[in-house]
Amino acid sequence: MSARLLVGGVECKAQYVQFISVYAPTFAAKQAVKEHFFADLQGVLDRTATNDILVIVGDFNARVGSRTGDTDRDVLGMFGVDERNEAGDCLLEFCMLNNLRIMNTIFNKRSNLKHTWQHPGTKRWHCIDYVLFKQSQSRKCTNVEVKRNAECWTDHRLLEADIRIRVTRKYNQIPKIKGKLDVALLRPDTKEGYEKRLCYENALRQQWEAAKAIGQGTIYSMLEKGILSAAEAVLPRTTRRQPDWFRDNQEQLQAFISQRDKLNSQWLRTGDTRDQEAFKNARRAVVKAVRNAKNSWFRDKADACQRAEHGDKWRIVLEMKACHDGMRPARKVGVRKLTGPCVLDNIRYWNDGGNTLIMF
C-alpha cells in the first residue's frame, strides 16, 4: 500500500461503504512518481467489491475545469471552476477508465463554495480537492460544498460531501405456513375419508403415548402438540387456488410478471432513473395485461351463458360468481337484471325465461 493512500470502510447493515483518501503528487513531481501513484490507486480499485459503495476523496493536485464536449460527459458536470491543466487531463483519463464521476462539478454552487486551496504565490483560489463516485452510484451523493469557517490546521478548506445510503430494515422473520391443513379429508362419509380418519387416529394415539412417556409440560400442551403433529403427518396442506381467468392465461401473464420482476431487481441494484422508468412501464404493462385477460374471460363466459341451454346456464353463472367472489372479501350479494332492480338475495333458480343476463 502506498503512503499516499488511506483505505477504510463502514458497514451499513446490508451495504459496505469503502472510503479511499488520496494525496496525489504535486505538479513539480517526476512523471514516474505520478504514474506510480495512479497504479497504486488502480490496484485498490481492482480489489474493491462490485456491490460496495466507493467514495474517493482527497487532494489530487489537479484542475479539471468544466465539461467541454461529449467525451467527458459522464465524468464532469457543467459547474466546474478553473481551467484544465496537465494533471487534470490525467485525472479525467483515470476516471473514464474506471467509470468514475467528479461530484464537485455536478452541483451548482457559488465560486467561494468550490475553491479548496489558495496559491501561496498568486493568492488565487483553485479547486484541487475532489470527491469521486462510481457513475452508477453518483445519485447517492446529494451535495458537495466547501465549509469556509472550518478550522483544519491546513492551507486547504474543508470539503464536505453528503451521502445518502438506503438501509434495509430487518424485521423479525415469522415463519409462514404454506397452507391450511386439509381437514375435509377426514370426513367419514367416503371410503377414502374413513381410511384417512383411521390413520389420523392412530397417529394421534402414538403421539399421545410418546408425550406421556416423556412427561414434559402440562396435559393441555402435550395434547396440543400431539394433535398438530398427527395432523401434519397425515393430512396435506391446501394450496392457493388461482382464479379461473388467471389460470387460463397464466403463460401469457407470467411473461409480463417475470419481466416486471427482472426490471425491478435491476433498478434496485443500479438505482438509475432509466431503469426506474423501465420498471414503471413494465408494471403498467402487467396491470393492462391482467385487466384485459380478466375482461376477456368474463366476456367469453357471458357469451357462452347466453348461448347455453337452461341446464348449463347455472353452471356457467356459478363459475363466474366464484371468480368474482374470489377477487374481493366475501359478502352477501344480490341478483340483478341487466336493466332492473334486485331480483332475489340468494341465487337459487333462473326464472326470467333465460333471455336476460344477470349482474352481480
Foldseek 3Di string as FASTA:
>chain_A
DDPQWDWDWDDQPVAIEIEIEGDADAPPDDPVRRVVRLVVVVVVVVPDDPLHWYKYWYFQNWAQAADDDDVQPQAGAHAGDDDGDPSNVVVSVSCVVQQKHWCLRHDHDDPVFQFWAADPPPRDTGHRITMITHSLQSVQWDDWTFDQPDDDVDRTTDIDIHGHDDHDDDDDDDDDDQAAWPCVLCDPPDPSNVVLVVQLVVQLVVQLVVCVVVVDDDPVVSNVVSNVVSSPVRTDGDHDDDQPLCVVCVVVLVVLVVVLVVLVVVCVSRVDPVSVVVNVVSVVVSVVVVVVSVVVVVVVLQVCLLVDDQVCNVVSVVSVVVRVCVVDPDDFDFKAWPPGDGDDRDDDHDDDPSHTDIDD
